[in-house]
Protein backbone atom coordinates (compact mmCIF):
# COMPACT_ATOMS: atom_id res chain seq x y z
CA MET A 1 0.00 0.00 0.00
CA VAL A 2 3.01 2.30 -0.06
CA ARG A 3 2.65 3.12 -3.77
CA PRO A 4 -1.01 4.25 -3.68
CA GLY A 5 -0.29 6.18 -0.51
CA LEU A 6 2.56 8.12 -2.07
CA LEU A 7 0.59 8.71 -5.27
CA THR A 8 -2.26 10.12 -3.20
CA GLU A 9 0.25 12.41 -1.50
CA SER A 10 1.58 13.52 -4.89
CA ALA A 11 -1.92 14.44 -6.07
CA LEU A 12 -2.56 16.53 -2.98
CA THR A 13 0.87 18.16 -3.24
CA ALA A 14 0.03 19.22 -6.80
CA VAL A 15 -3.29 20.63 -5.63
CA ARG A 16 -1.58 22.53 -2.79
CA ALA A 17 0.75 24.13 -5.31
CA ALA A 18 -2.16 25.25 -7.49
CA ILE A 19 -4.84 26.25 -5.01
CA ARG A 20 -5.43 29.98 -4.82
CA PRO A 21 -8.20 32.55 -5.00
CA GLY A 22 -9.66 32.57 -8.52
CA ILE A 23 -9.13 28.90 -9.36
CA THR A 24 -12.14 26.62 -9.73
CA THR A 25 -12.62 23.40 -7.83
CA GLY A 26 -12.95 21.63 -11.19
CA GLU A 27 -9.50 22.82 -12.22
CA LEU A 28 -8.07 21.37 -9.01
CA ASP A 29 -9.83 18.10 -9.77
CA ALA A 30 -8.22 17.92 -13.20
CA ILE A 31 -4.76 18.51 -11.70
CA ALA A 32 -5.25 15.68 -9.21
CA GLU A 33 -6.55 13.26 -11.83
CA ARG A 34 -3.66 13.95 -14.17
CA THR A 35 -1.15 13.41 -11.36
CA ILE A 36 -2.66 10.08 -10.35
CA ARG A 37 -2.99 8.73 -13.89
CA ASP A 38 0.49 9.88 -14.89
CA GLY A 39 1.78 8.02 -11.84
CA GLY A 40 0.23 4.76 -12.96
CA GLY A 41 -2.80 4.83 -10.68
CA VAL A 42 -6.55 5.25 -10.85
CA PRO A 43 -8.51 7.87 -8.90
CA ASN A 44 -10.36 5.60 -6.51
CA PHE A 45 -13.12 8.13 -5.82
CA GLN A 46 -14.21 7.52 -9.41
CA LEU A 47 -14.72 3.86 -8.53
CA VAL A 48 -17.43 4.79 -6.01
CA PRO A 49 -20.82 4.22 -7.71
CA GLY A 50 -22.36 7.52 -8.78
CA TYR A 51 -19.22 9.63 -8.30
CA ARG A 52 -17.10 10.66 -11.31
CA HIS A 53 -14.53 13.01 -9.79
CA THR A 54 -11.00 12.58 -8.43
CA LEU A 55 -11.38 14.93 -5.47
CA CYS A 56 -13.89 16.03 -2.93
CA VAL A 57 -13.45 19.79 -2.42
CA SER A 58 -15.42 21.17 0.52
CA VAL A 59 -15.56 24.93 1.08
CA ASN A 60 -16.41 26.89 4.25
CA ASP A 61 -19.51 25.24 5.81
CA GLU A 62 -19.11 22.07 3.72
CA VAL A 63 -17.72 19.29 5.90
CA VAL A 64 -16.90 16.64 3.29
CA HIS A 65 -17.85 15.30 -0.15
CA GLY A 66 -18.06 18.65 -1.92
CA ILE A 67 -18.29 18.00 -5.67
CA PRO A 68 -15.70 19.76 -7.87
CA GLY A 69 -17.05 21.98 -10.62
CA ASP A 70 -17.23 25.60 -11.68
CA ARG A 71 -17.12 27.09 -8.18
CA VAL A 72 -14.45 29.79 -8.02
CA LEU A 73 -12.49 29.85 -4.77
CA ALA A 74 -12.30 33.22 -3.02
CA ALA A 75 -9.80 34.92 -0.74
CA GLY A 76 -10.25 33.77 2.85
CA ASP A 77 -12.11 30.55 1.99
CA ILE A 78 -11.38 27.52 4.15
CA VAL A 79 -11.05 24.59 1.76
CA SER A 80 -10.80 20.87 2.52
CA VAL A 81 -9.39 18.66 -0.26
CA ASP A 82 -9.79 14.87 -0.11
CA ALA A 83 -8.16 12.47 -2.61
CA GLY A 84 -7.39 8.81 -3.11
CA ALA A 85 -5.51 6.60 -5.53
CA GLU A 86 -5.63 2.92 -6.37
CA VAL A 87 -2.53 1.11 -7.59
CA ASP A 88 -2.49 -2.63 -8.34
CA GLY A 89 -5.73 -3.09 -6.43
CA TRP A 90 -4.55 -1.31 -3.26
CA ASN A 91 -5.77 2.06 -2.00
CA GLY A 92 -4.62 5.32 -0.47
CA ASP A 93 -6.80 8.07 1.04
CA SER A 94 -5.79 11.44 2.47
CA ALA A 95 -7.08 14.99 2.98
CA PHE A 96 -5.87 18.41 4.01
CA THR A 97 -7.48 21.76 4.79
CA THR A 98 -6.11 25.18 3.92
CA VAL A 99 -7.20 28.79 4.34
CA LEU A 100 -6.72 30.88 1.21
CA PRO A 101 -4.86 34.15 1.70
CA GLY A 102 -6.68 37.45 1.77
CA GLY A 103 -10.19 38.36 2.84
CA ASP A 104 -11.31 39.54 6.24
CA ALA A 105 -8.43 39.18 8.69
CA THR A 106 -10.58 38.25 11.69
CA LEU A 107 -12.40 35.56 9.73
CA THR A 108 -9.27 34.07 8.22
CA THR A 109 -7.59 33.96 11.63
CA ALA A 110 -10.55 32.05 13.07
CA ARG A 111 -10.55 29.68 10.11
CA GLN A 112 -6.81 29.07 10.44
CA THR A 113 -7.26 28.21 14.10
CA LEU A 114 -9.95 25.67 13.14
CA CYS A 115 -7.65 24.23 10.48
CA ASP A 116 -4.71 23.97 12.88
CA THR A 117 -6.85 22.43 15.61
CA THR A 118 -8.05 19.68 13.27
CA GLU A 119 -4.58 18.91 11.94
CA ARG A 120 -3.21 18.77 15.47
CA ALA A 121 -5.94 16.31 16.46
CA LEU A 122 -5.08 14.12 13.46
CA TRP A 123 -1.44 13.82 14.51
CA HIS A 124 -2.34 13.13 18.12
CA GLY A 125 -4.66 10.37 16.92
CA ILE A 126 -1.99 8.84 14.72
CA ALA A 127 0.53 9.00 17.56
CA ALA A 128 -1.96 7.23 19.82
CA LEU A 129 -2.21 4.39 17.30
CA ALA A 130 1.49 3.65 17.87
CA HIS A 131 0.83 2.62 21.48
CA ALA A 132 -2.87 1.75 21.55
CA ARG A 133 -4.05 -1.73 22.43
CA SER A 134 -7.51 -1.12 20.98
CA LEU A 135 -8.62 1.13 18.16
CA ASN A 136 -11.15 3.19 20.09
CA GLU A 137 -8.32 4.65 22.17
CA VAL A 138 -7.53 6.75 19.10
CA GLY A 139 -10.90 8.49 19.18
CA ALA A 140 -10.52 9.39 22.84
CA VAL A 141 -7.14 11.01 22.16
CA ILE A 142 -8.52 12.93 19.17
CA GLU A 143 -11.40 14.25 21.28
CA ASP A 144 -9.03 15.38 24.03
CA ALA A 145 -6.72 17.09 21.54
CA ILE A 146 -9.64 19.03 20.08
CA ASP A 147 -11.16 19.96 23.43
CA GLU A 148 -7.82 21.25 24.71
CA THR A 149 -7.87 24.13 22.23
CA GLY A 150 -11.42 25.43 22.71
CA ALA A 151 -15.10 24.79 22.11
CA TRP A 152 -15.34 22.97 18.79
CA GLY A 153 -17.81 20.59 17.24
CA ILE A 154 -16.57 17.04 16.57
CA VAL A 155 -18.62 15.52 13.76
CA GLU A 156 -19.94 12.18 15.03
CA ASP A 157 -22.01 10.99 12.06
CA LEU A 158 -18.85 10.45 10.00
CA THR A 159 -15.79 8.39 10.91
CA GLY A 160 -12.46 7.21 9.63
CA HIS A 161 -12.23 3.68 8.30
CA GLY A 162 -10.16 0.69 7.43
CA ILE A 163 -8.50 0.75 4.02
CA GLY A 164 -6.90 -1.89 1.83
CA ARG A 165 -8.27 -3.67 -1.22
CA SER A 166 -11.22 -1.28 -0.94
CA MET A 167 -11.01 2.38 -0.06
CA HIS A 168 -13.61 2.05 2.68
CA GLU A 169 -13.46 -1.04 4.88
CA ASP A 170 -14.15 -2.00 8.46
CA PRO A 171 -13.37 -1.06 11.15
CA PRO A 172 -14.72 2.45 11.75
CA VAL A 173 -12.27 4.87 13.35
CA PHE A 174 -14.13 7.22 15.67
CA ASN A 175 -13.03 10.78 16.36
CA HIS A 176 -14.53 10.84 19.84
CA ARG A 177 -14.99 8.61 22.86
CA VAL A 178 -17.30 5.64 22.44
CA ARG A 179 -18.23 2.73 24.65
CA GLY A 180 -16.23 -0.42 24.17
CA ALA A 181 -12.60 -0.97 23.30
CA GLY A 182 -13.03 -1.68 19.62
CA PRO A 183 -10.79 -3.95 17.53
CA ALA A 184 -7.31 -4.83 18.72
CA VAL A 185 -4.46 -2.80 17.25
CA LYS A 186 -2.07 -5.35 15.78
CA PRO A 187 0.21 -5.79 12.76
CA GLY A 188 -1.72 -5.77 9.50
CA LEU A 189 -4.20 -3.09 10.57
CA VAL A 190 -4.38 -0.21 8.11
CA VAL A 191 -6.75 2.67 8.83
CA ALA A 192 -7.61 6.10 7.52
CA ILE A 193 -7.78 8.46 10.48
CA GLU A 194 -9.74 11.62 9.64
CA PRO A 195 -11.05 14.09 12.21
CA MET A 196 -13.76 16.44 10.96
CA VAL A 197 -14.24 19.48 13.16
CA THR A 198 -16.60 22.46 13.00
CA ALA A 199 -16.63 25.91 14.51
CA GLY A 200 -20.20 25.32 15.69
CA THR A 201 -22.72 22.50 15.60
CA ILE A 202 -21.94 18.83 15.11
CA ASP A 203 -25.19 18.46 13.19
CA SER A 204 -25.10 18.31 9.40
CA SER A 205 -27.30 17.94 6.34
CA THR A 206 -26.80 16.55 2.84
CA ASP A 207 -27.37 18.74 -0.19
CA ASP A 208 -29.73 17.84 -3.02
CA ASP A 209 -26.71 16.57 -4.98
CA GLU A 210 -26.77 13.64 -2.48
CA TRP A 211 -23.04 14.07 -1.76
CA THR A 212 -22.14 17.40 -0.20
CA ILE A 213 -22.42 17.35 3.60
CA ARG A 214 -22.52 20.75 5.32
CA THR A 215 -23.00 22.04 8.85
CA LEU A 216 -26.60 22.65 9.80
CA ASP A 217 -25.86 26.04 11.36
CA GLY A 218 -23.61 27.28 8.54
CA SER A 219 -20.44 27.20 10.65
CA ASP A 220 -17.06 26.49 9.08
CA ALA A 221 -15.57 22.99 8.95
CA ALA A 222 -12.14 21.41 8.54
CA HIS A 223 -11.03 17.89 7.58
CA TRP A 224 -7.60 16.24 7.78
CA GLU A 225 -6.79 12.61 6.95
CA HIS A 226 -3.93 10.13 6.56
CA SER A 227 -3.79 6.39 5.85
CA VAL A 228 -1.66 4.63 8.48
CA ALA A 229 -0.25 1.10 8.61
CA VAL A 230 0.48 -0.86 11.79
CA HIS A 231 3.22 -3.47 11.39
CA ALA A 232 5.42 -5.57 13.64
CA ASP A 233 8.00 -2.82 14.15
CA GLY A 234 5.74 0.23 14.54
CA ILE A 235 3.53 2.48 12.42
CA TRP A 236 4.03 4.22 9.09
CA VAL A 237 1.91 6.94 7.53
CA LEU A 238 1.43 5.64 4.00
CA THR A 239 0.22 8.96 2.59
CA ALA A 240 3.29 10.93 3.74
CA SER A 241 6.68 10.52 2.09
CA ASP A 242 8.43 10.82 5.46
CA GLY A 243 6.10 8.27 7.03
CA GLY A 244 4.62 11.00 9.18
CA ALA A 245 7.86 11.91 10.94
CA SER A 246 7.25 15.66 10.75
CA GLY A 247 4.01 15.30 12.70
CA LEU A 248 4.90 12.37 14.94
CA VAL A 249 8.43 13.00 16.19
CA PRO A 250 7.36 16.12 18.14
CA LEU A 251 4.82 13.87 19.86
CA GLY A 252 7.46 11.30 20.86
CA VAL A 253 6.74 8.75 18.10
CA THR A 254 9.25 7.76 15.42
CA PRO A 255 7.60 6.10 12.42
CA VAL A 256 9.23 2.92 11.15
CA PRO A 257 9.21 2.09 7.42
CA VAL A 258 7.09 -0.85 6.35
CA PRO A 259 9.41 -3.86 5.84
């Protein structure tokens, strides 16, 4: 699963380089698709029945599953970009959030704090996986990391997931405390950890397009995700070329390459 993970990272890196006020979400989608196909992969979002795009691009109050198209991104927008690649029947899945430069300074500062809070929670959750005995320990750590920085909404209707031969597999990976320990964390487990956090309510609705999920109160949302493998010698973030070292070493965890 290393190859699809790195190809997913490459697609998101290309999008990061291109994203700016004035570009359309459809243009970003084309960049990601070209990167994945040129790298010998297939955009796995296109393999989901009824979905024909490479990315999900969710803007401002959209939590996840925003459909790329002719929407023009504006200064100060908070934008979450989710991508995945399949290579030789194996899958990668990852997402990042960014705040576009410009716009109202107070608003962009608040949005950047939301973005940073969500990314921080992701890395704390991944670090927890390195030592956890059961998977639901990860959700408890994510919840604590979010709550430490202020009053935020942790989306509960959506979770992370297992990943492998299919992009979405069992088990679910919660972003909050739940009853029960959950599956054992042991070599061979590969999961996509993806906190989704809002500046307001945890309640959401689905648009008429049957894909886009947005906050019910119109508050901003952020979404960060990495695919992570557990093996006999440790963990490795498959969708990061450094295995997640930049996010994990400050938290006391050194990722170990997959043998």
